PDB file of N, CA and C in Angstrom:
ATOM      1  N   MET A   1      65.191  -8.342 -14.576  1.00  0.00           N
ATOM      2  CA  MET A   1      64.459  -8.174 -13.317  1.00  0.00           C
ATOM      3  C   MET A   1      62.661  -8.098 -14.501  1.00  0.00           C
ATOM      4  N   VAL A   2      61.707  -8.002 -13.540  1.00  0.00           N
ATOM      5  CA  VAL A   2      60.615  -8.323 -13.957  1.00  0.00           C
ATOM      6  C   VAL A   2      59.767  -7.312 -15.022  1.00  0.00           C
ATOM      7  N   THR A   3      58.765  -8.418 -16.141  1.00  0.00           N
ATOM      8  CA  THR A   3      58.706  -6.816 -16.881  1.00  0.00           C
ATOM      9  C   THR A   3      57.156  -7.309 -16.697  1.00  0.00           C
ATOM     10  N   ASP A   4      56.762  -7.451 -16.828  1.00  0.00           N
ATOM     11  CA  ASP A   4      55.338  -8.744 -16.093  1.00  0.00           C
ATOM     12  C   ASP A   4      54.359  -7.813 -15.492  1.00  0.00           C
ATOM     13  N   PRO A   5      53.524  -7.064 -15.988  1.00  0.00           N
ATOM     14  CA  PRO A   5      53.142  -6.438 -14.702  1.00  0.00           C
ATOM     15  C   PRO A   5      51.679  -7.044 -13.110  1.00  0.00           C
ATOM     16  N   THR A   6      51.476  -8.136 -13.537  1.00  0.00           N
ATOM     17  CA  THR A   6      51.677  -9.159 -12.673  1.00  0.00           C
ATOM     18  C   THR A   6      52.102 -10.027 -12.461  1.00  0.00           C
ATOM     19  N   LEU A   7      53.637 -10.249 -12.819  1.00  0.00           N
ATOM     20  CA  LEU A   7      53.956 -10.753 -11.630  1.00  0.00           C
ATOM     21  C   LEU A   7      54.911  -9.478 -10.335  1.00  0.00           C
ATOM     22  N   LYS A   8      55.118  -8.280 -11.179  1.00  0.00           N
ATOM     23  CA  LYS A   8      56.063  -7.067 -10.566  1.00  0.00           C
ATOM     24  C   LYS A   8      54.959  -6.781  -9.016  1.00  0.00           C
ATOM     25  N   GLU A   9      53.229  -6.925  -8.979  1.00  0.00           N
ATOM     26  CA  GLU A   9      52.595  -7.189  -8.145  1.00  0.00           C
ATOM     27  C   GLU A   9      52.994  -7.660  -7.078  1.00  0.00           C
ATOM     28  N   VAL A  10      52.597  -9.125  -7.359  1.00  0.00           N
ATOM     29  CA  VAL A  10      52.681  -9.804  -6.701  1.00  0.00           C
ATOM     30  C   VAL A  10      53.993  -9.815  -6.131  1.00  0.00           C
ATOM     31  N   TYR A  11      55.542 -10.301  -6.563  1.00  0.00           N
ATOM     32  CA  TYR A  11      56.290  -9.647  -6.054  1.00  0.00           C
ATOM     33  C   TYR A  11      56.718  -8.934  -4.847  1.00  0.00           C
ATOM     34  N   SER A  12      55.460  -7.443  -4.894  1.00  0.00           N
ATOM     35  CA  SER A  12      55.920  -6.614  -4.229  1.00  0.00           C
ATOM     36  C   SER A  12      54.649  -6.512  -3.051  1.00  0.00           C
ATOM     37  N   LEU A  13      54.212  -7.583  -3.148  1.00  0.00           N
ATOM     38  CA  LEU A  13      52.851  -7.870  -1.610  1.00  0.00           C
ATOM     39  C   LEU A  13      53.829  -8.883  -1.099  1.00  0.00           C
ATOM     40  N   VAL A  14      55.184 -10.539  -1.962  1.00  0.00           N
ATOM     41  CA  VAL A  14      55.202 -10.974  -1.196  1.00  0.00           C
ATOM     42  C   VAL A  14      56.013 -10.174  -0.357  1.00  0.00           C
ATOM     43  N   LEU A  15      57.178  -9.411  -1.024  1.00  0.00           N
ATOM     44  CA  LEU A  15      58.098  -8.784  -0.151  1.00  0.00           C
ATOM     45  C   LEU A  15      57.655  -8.100   0.022  1.00  0.00           C
ATOM     46  N   THR A  16      57.054  -7.575   0.521  1.00  0.00           N
ATOM     47  CA  THR A  16      56.393  -6.390   1.495  1.00  0.00           C
ATOM     48  C   THR A  16      55.577  -7.101   3.241  1.00  0.00           C
ATOM     49  N   GLN A  17      55.346  -8.268   2.816  1.00  0.00           N
ATOM     50  CA  GLN A  17      54.297  -9.589   3.607  1.00  0.00           C
ATOM     51  C   GLN A  17      55.323 -10.516   4.068  1.00  0.00           C
ATOM     52  N   TRP A  18      56.418 -10.324   3.919  1.00  0.00           N
ATOM     53  CA  TRP A  18      57.056 -11.610   4.495  1.00  0.00           C
ATOM     54  C   TRP A  18      57.130 -11.668   6.335  1.00  0.00           C
ATOM     55  N   PRO A  19      57.475 -10.867   7.183  1.00  0.00           N
ATOM     56  CA  PRO A  19      57.111 -11.171   8.379  1.00  0.00           C
ATOM     57  C   PRO A  19      55.605 -11.465   8.092  1.00  0.00           C
ATOM     58  N   LEU A  20      55.003 -11.438   8.010  1.00  0.00           N
ATOM     59  CA  LEU A  20      53.143 -12.110   8.224  1.00  0.00           C
ATOM     60  C   LEU A  20      53.520 -13.781   7.444  1.00  0.00           C
ATOM     61  N   VAL A  21      54.188 -14.051   6.488  1.00  0.00           N
ATOM     62  CA  VAL A  21      54.907 -15.183   6.398  1.00  0.00           C
ATOM     63  C   VAL A  21      55.652 -16.375   7.655  1.00  0.00           C
ATOM     64  N   ALA A  22      57.029 -14.971   7.741  1.00  0.00           N
ATOM     65  CA  ALA A  22      57.636 -16.226   8.545  1.00  0.00           C
ATOM     66  C   ALA A  22      57.254 -15.800   9.958  1.00  0.00           C
ATOM     67  N   GLY A  23      56.464 -14.908  10.489  1.00  0.00           N
ATOM     68  CA  GLY A  23      55.309 -15.965  11.399  1.00  0.00           C
ATOM     69  C   GLY A  23      54.656 -16.874  11.149  1.00  0.00           C
ATOM     70  N   ALA A  24      54.177 -16.894  10.390  1.00  0.00           N
ATOM     71  CA  ALA A  24      53.000 -18.040  10.240  1.00  0.00           C
ATOM     72  C   ALA A  24      53.756 -19.322   9.846  1.00  0.00           C
ATOM     73  N   TYR A  25      54.896 -19.590   9.338  1.00  0.00           N
ATOM     74  CA  TYR A  25      55.637 -21.022   9.663  1.00  0.00           C
ATOM     75  C   TYR A  25      56.045 -21.021  11.286  1.00  0.00           C
ATOM     76  N   ALA A  26      56.512 -20.074  11.812  1.00  0.00           N
ATOM     77  CA  ALA A  26      57.652 -19.829  12.960  1.00  0.00           C
ATOM     78  C   ALA A  26      56.170 -20.837  13.701  1.00  0.00           C
ATOM     79  N   LEU A  27      54.504 -19.852  13.919  1.00  0.00           N
ATOM     80  CA  LEU A  27      53.493 -20.555  15.011  1.00  0.00           C
ATOM     81  C   LEU A  27      53.324 -22.675  14.674  1.00  0.00           C
ATOM     82  N   LEU A  28      53.355 -22.341  13.201  1.00  0.00           N
ATOM     83  CA  LEU A  28      53.091 -23.576  12.619  1.00  0.00           C
ATOM     84  C   LEU A  28      54.190 -24.500  13.200  1.00  0.00           C
ATOM     85  N   TRP A  29      55.500 -23.946  12.777  1.00  0.00           N
ATOM     86  CA  TRP A  29      56.577 -25.633  13.433  1.00  0.00           C
ATOM     87  C   TRP A  29      56.070 -25.063  15.230  1.00  0.00           C
ATOM     88  N   ALA A  30      56.021 -24.696  16.071  1.00  0.00           N
ATOM     89  CA  ALA A  30      55.712 -24.408  17.275  1.00  0.00           C
ATOM     90  C   ALA A  30      55.165 -25.444  17.787  1.00  0.00           C
ATOM     91  N   GLY A  31      53.768 -24.886  17.338  1.00  0.00           N
ATOM     92  CA  GLY A  31      52.472 -26.021  16.842  1.00  0.00           C
ATOM     93  C   GLY A  31      52.719 -27.244  16.806  1.00  0.00           C
ATOM     94  N   LEU A  32      53.497 -27.739  15.594  1.00  0.00           N
ATOM     95  CA  LEU A  32      53.780 -29.405  15.424  1.00  0.00           C
ATOM     96  C   LEU A  32      54.782 -30.053  16.830  1.00  0.00           C
ATOM     97  N   VAL A  33      55.692 -28.663  17.336  1.00  0.00           N
ATOM     98  CA  VAL A  33      56.719 -29.221  17.802  1.00  0.00           C
ATOM     99  C   VAL A  33      56.592 -29.603  19.484  1.00  0.00           C
ATOM    100  N   VAL A  34      55.612 -28.637  19.437  1.00  0.00           N
ATOM    101  CA  VAL A  34      54.289 -28.795  21.577  1.00  0.00           C
ATOM    102  C   VAL A  34      53.307 -30.442  21.131  1.00  0.00           C
ATOM    103  N   TYR A  35      52.751 -30.618  19.851  1.00  0.00           N
ATOM    104  CA  TYR A  35      51.751 -31.464  19.298  1.00  0.00           C
ATOM    105  C   TYR A  35      52.707 -32.847  19.718  1.00  0.00           C
ATOM    106  N   VAL A  36      53.866 -33.122  19.397  1.00  0.00           N
ATOM    107  CA  VAL A  36      55.466 -33.604  19.062  1.00  0.00           C
ATOM    108  C   VAL A  36      55.783 -34.444  20.770  1.00  0.00           C
ATOM    109  N   GLY A  37      55.542 -33.559  21.501  1.00  0.00           N
ATOM    110  CA  GLY A  37      56.226 -33.423  22.045  1.00  0.00           C
ATOM    111  C   GLY A  37      54.646 -34.083  23.333  1.00  0.00           C
ATOM    112  N   PHE A  38      54.493 -33.891  23.569  1.00  0.00           N
ATOM    113  CA  PHE A  38      52.473 -34.038  23.849  1.00  0.00           C
ATOM    114  C   PHE A  38      52.683 -35.738  23.835  1.00  0.00           C
ATOM    115  N   ALA A  39      52.494 -35.391  22.405  1.00  0.00           N
ATOM    116  CA  ALA A  39      52.551 -37.313  21.930  1.00  0.00           C
ATOM    117  C   ALA A  39      53.045 -37.938  22.665  1.00  0.00           C
ATOM    118  N   LEU A  40      54.611 -37.869  22.788  1.00  0.00           N
ATOM    119  CA  LEU A  40      55.942 -38.479  23.342  1.00  0.00           C
ATOM    120  C   LEU A  40      55.511 -39.032  24.681  1.00  0.00           C
ATOM    121  N   LYS A  41      55.149 -38.064  24.870  1.00  0.00           N
ATOM    122  CA  LYS A  41      54.628 -38.076  26.638  1.00  0.00           C
ATOM    123  C   LYS A  41      53.856 -38.531  26.470  1.00  0.00           C
ATOM    124  N   ARG A  42      52.754 -39.242  26.157  1.00  0.00           N
ATOM    125  CA  ARG A  42      52.029 -39.908  26.438  1.00  0.00           C
ATOM    126  C   ARG A  42      52.342 -41.447  25.555  1.00  0.00           C
ATOM    127  N   LEU A  43      52.688 -41.318  25.058  1.00  0.00           N
ATOM    128  CA  LEU A  43      53.179 -42.546  24.826  1.00  0.00           C
ATOM    129  C   LEU A  43      54.595 -43.002  25.388  1.00  0.00           C
ATOM    130  N   ASN A  44      54.467 -42.667  26.024  1.00  0.00           N
ATOM    131  CA  ASN A  44      56.016 -43.238  27.578  1.00  0.00           C
ATOM    132  C   ASN A  44      54.911 -43.104  28.387  1.00  0.00           C
ATOM    133  N   GLY A  45      54.020 -42.682  28.657  1.00  0.00           N
ATOM    134  CA  GLY A  45      53.109 -43.100  30.315  1.00  0.00           C
ATOM    135  C   GLY A  45      52.251 -44.012  29.714  1.00  0.00           C
ATOM    136  N   LEU A  46      52.165 -44.252  28.037  1.00  0.00           N
ATOM    137  CA  LEU A  46      51.870 -45.550  27.917  1.00  0.00           C
ATOM    138  C   LEU A  46      52.101 -47.051  27.748  1.00  0.00           C
ATOM    139  N   GLY A  47      53.437 -46.349  27.750  1.00  0.00           N
ATOM    140  CA  GLY A  47      54.892 -47.513  27.623  1.00  0.00           C
ATOM    141  C   GLY A  47      54.606 -47.923  30.116  1.00  0.00           C
ATOM    142  N   LYS A  48      54.307 -46.774  30.131  1.00  0.00           N
ATOM    143  CA  LYS A  48      55.157 -48.107  31.418  1.00  0.00           C
ATOM    144  C   LYS A  48      53.662 -48.401  32.170  1.00  0.00           C
ATOM    145  N   GLN A  49      52.076 -48.104  31.457  1.00  0.00           N
ATOM    146  CA  GLN A  49      51.402 -48.255  32.130  1.00  0.00           C
ATOM    147  C   GLN A  49      51.014 -50.489  31.254  1.00  0.00           C
ATOM    148  N   VAL A  50      51.655 -50.307  30.171  1.00  0.00           N
ATOM    149  CA  VAL A  50      52.300 -52.050  29.287  1.00  0.00           C
ATOM    150  C   VAL A  50      52.700 -52.793  30.159  1.00  0.00           C
ATOM    151  N   GLU A  51      53.993 -52.298  31.263  1.00  0.00           N
ATOM    152  CA  GLU A  51      54.976 -52.639  31.911  1.00  0.00           C
ATOM    153  C   GLU A  51      54.131 -53.108  33.105  1.00  0.00           C
ATOM    154  N   VAL A  52      53.434 -52.201  33.546  1.00  0.00           N
ATOM    155  CA  VAL A  52      52.851 -52.606  34.782  1.00  0.00           C
ATOM    156  C   VAL A  52      51.773 -53.571  34.776  1.00  0.00           C
ATOM    157  N   LEU A  53      50.890 -53.658  33.482  1.00  0.00           N
ATOM    158  CA  LEU A  53      49.886 -54.612  33.140  1.00  0.00           C
ATOM    159  C   LEU A  53      50.805 -56.404  33.213  1.00  0.00           C
ATOM    160  N   GLU A  54      51.766 -56.956  32.142  1.00  0.00           N
ATOM    161  CA  GLU A  54      52.184 -57.171  32.217  1.00  0.00           C
ATOM    162  C   GLU A  54      52.881 -58.018  33.048  1.00  0.00           C
ATOM    163  N   ALA A  55      53.269 -56.729  34.238  1.00  0.00           N
ATOM    164  CA  ALA A  55      54.040 -57.788  35.585  1.00  0.00           C
ATOM    165  C   ALA A  55      52.034 -58.185  36.419  1.00  0.00           C
ATOM    166  N   ALA A  56      51.569 -57.773  36.259  1.00  0.00           N
ATOM    167  CA  ALA A  56      50.094 -57.878  36.650  1.00  0.00           C
ATOM    168  C   ALA A  56      50.010 -59.316  36.266  1.00  0.00           C
ATOM    169  N   LEU A  57      49.956 -59.769  34.833  1.00  0.00           N
ATOM    170  CA  LEU A  57      49.578 -60.237  34.038  1.00  0.00           C
ATOM    171  C   LEU A  57      50.832 -61.224  34.397  1.00  0.00           C
ATOM    172  N   ALA A  58      51.935 -61.278  34.579  1.00  0.00           N
ATOM    173  CA  ALA A  58      52.624 -62.475  35.145  1.00  0.00           C
ATOM    174  C   ALA A  58      52.791 -62.765  36.356  1.00  0.00           C
ATOM    175  N   ARG A  59      52.430 -61.990  37.302  1.00  0.00           N
ATOM    176  CA  ARG A  59      51.712 -62.313  38.931  1.00  0.00           C
ATOM    177  C   ARG A  59      51.068 -62.946  38.845  1.00  0.00           C
ATOM    178  N   ARG A  60      49.724 -63.158  37.814  1.00  0.00           N
ATOM    179  CA  ARG A  60      49.093 -63.740  38.249  1.00  0.00           C
ATOM    180  C   ARG A  60      48.498 -64.748  37.557  1.00  0.00           C
ATOM    181  N   SER A  61      49.888 -64.971  36.035  1.00  0.00           N
ATOM    182  CA  SER A  61      50.066 -66.910  35.436  1.00  0.00           C
ATOM    183  C   SER A  61      50.833 -67.388  36.951  1.00  0.00           C
ATOM    184  N   GLY A  62      51.448 -66.417  37.311  1.00  0.00           N
ATOM    185  CA  GLY A  62      52.319 -67.486  38.140  1.00  0.00           C
ATOM    186  C   GLY A  62      51.620 -67.366  39.761  1.00  0.00           C
ATOM    187  N   ASP A  63      50.578 -67.241  39.676  1.00  0.00           N
ATOM    188  CA  ASP A  63      49.963 -67.691  41.009  1.00  0.00           C
ATOM    189  C   ASP A  63      48.706 -68.994  40.931  1.00  0.00           C
ATOM    190  N   ALA A  64      48.342 -69.346  39.772  1.00  0.00           N
ATOM    191  CA  ALA A  64      47.956 -69.971  39.114  1.00  0.00           C
ATOM    192  C   ALA A  64      48.507 -71.070  38.530  1.00  0.00           C
ATOM    193  N   GLY A  65      49.573 -70.936  38.170  1.00  0.00           N
ATOM    194  CA  GLY A  65      50.059 -72.346  37.568  1.00  0.00           C
ATOM    195  C   GLY A  65      51.161 -73.011  39.411  1.00  0.00           C
TER     196      GLY A  65
END
């Protein structure tokens, strides 16, 4: 067992507060998943805009030539 009183106090605090730590990590991961989801949605939308712009540029180039 732990004989150092400082370590004993730290371990007692950590073991009693683990639900808060687990909750904080859960919120962090949930936030990260939401952020990545929004980023991917935005990236998909930008890809569609690029396709539209490429099509418009191709039409314009076809009309000029």
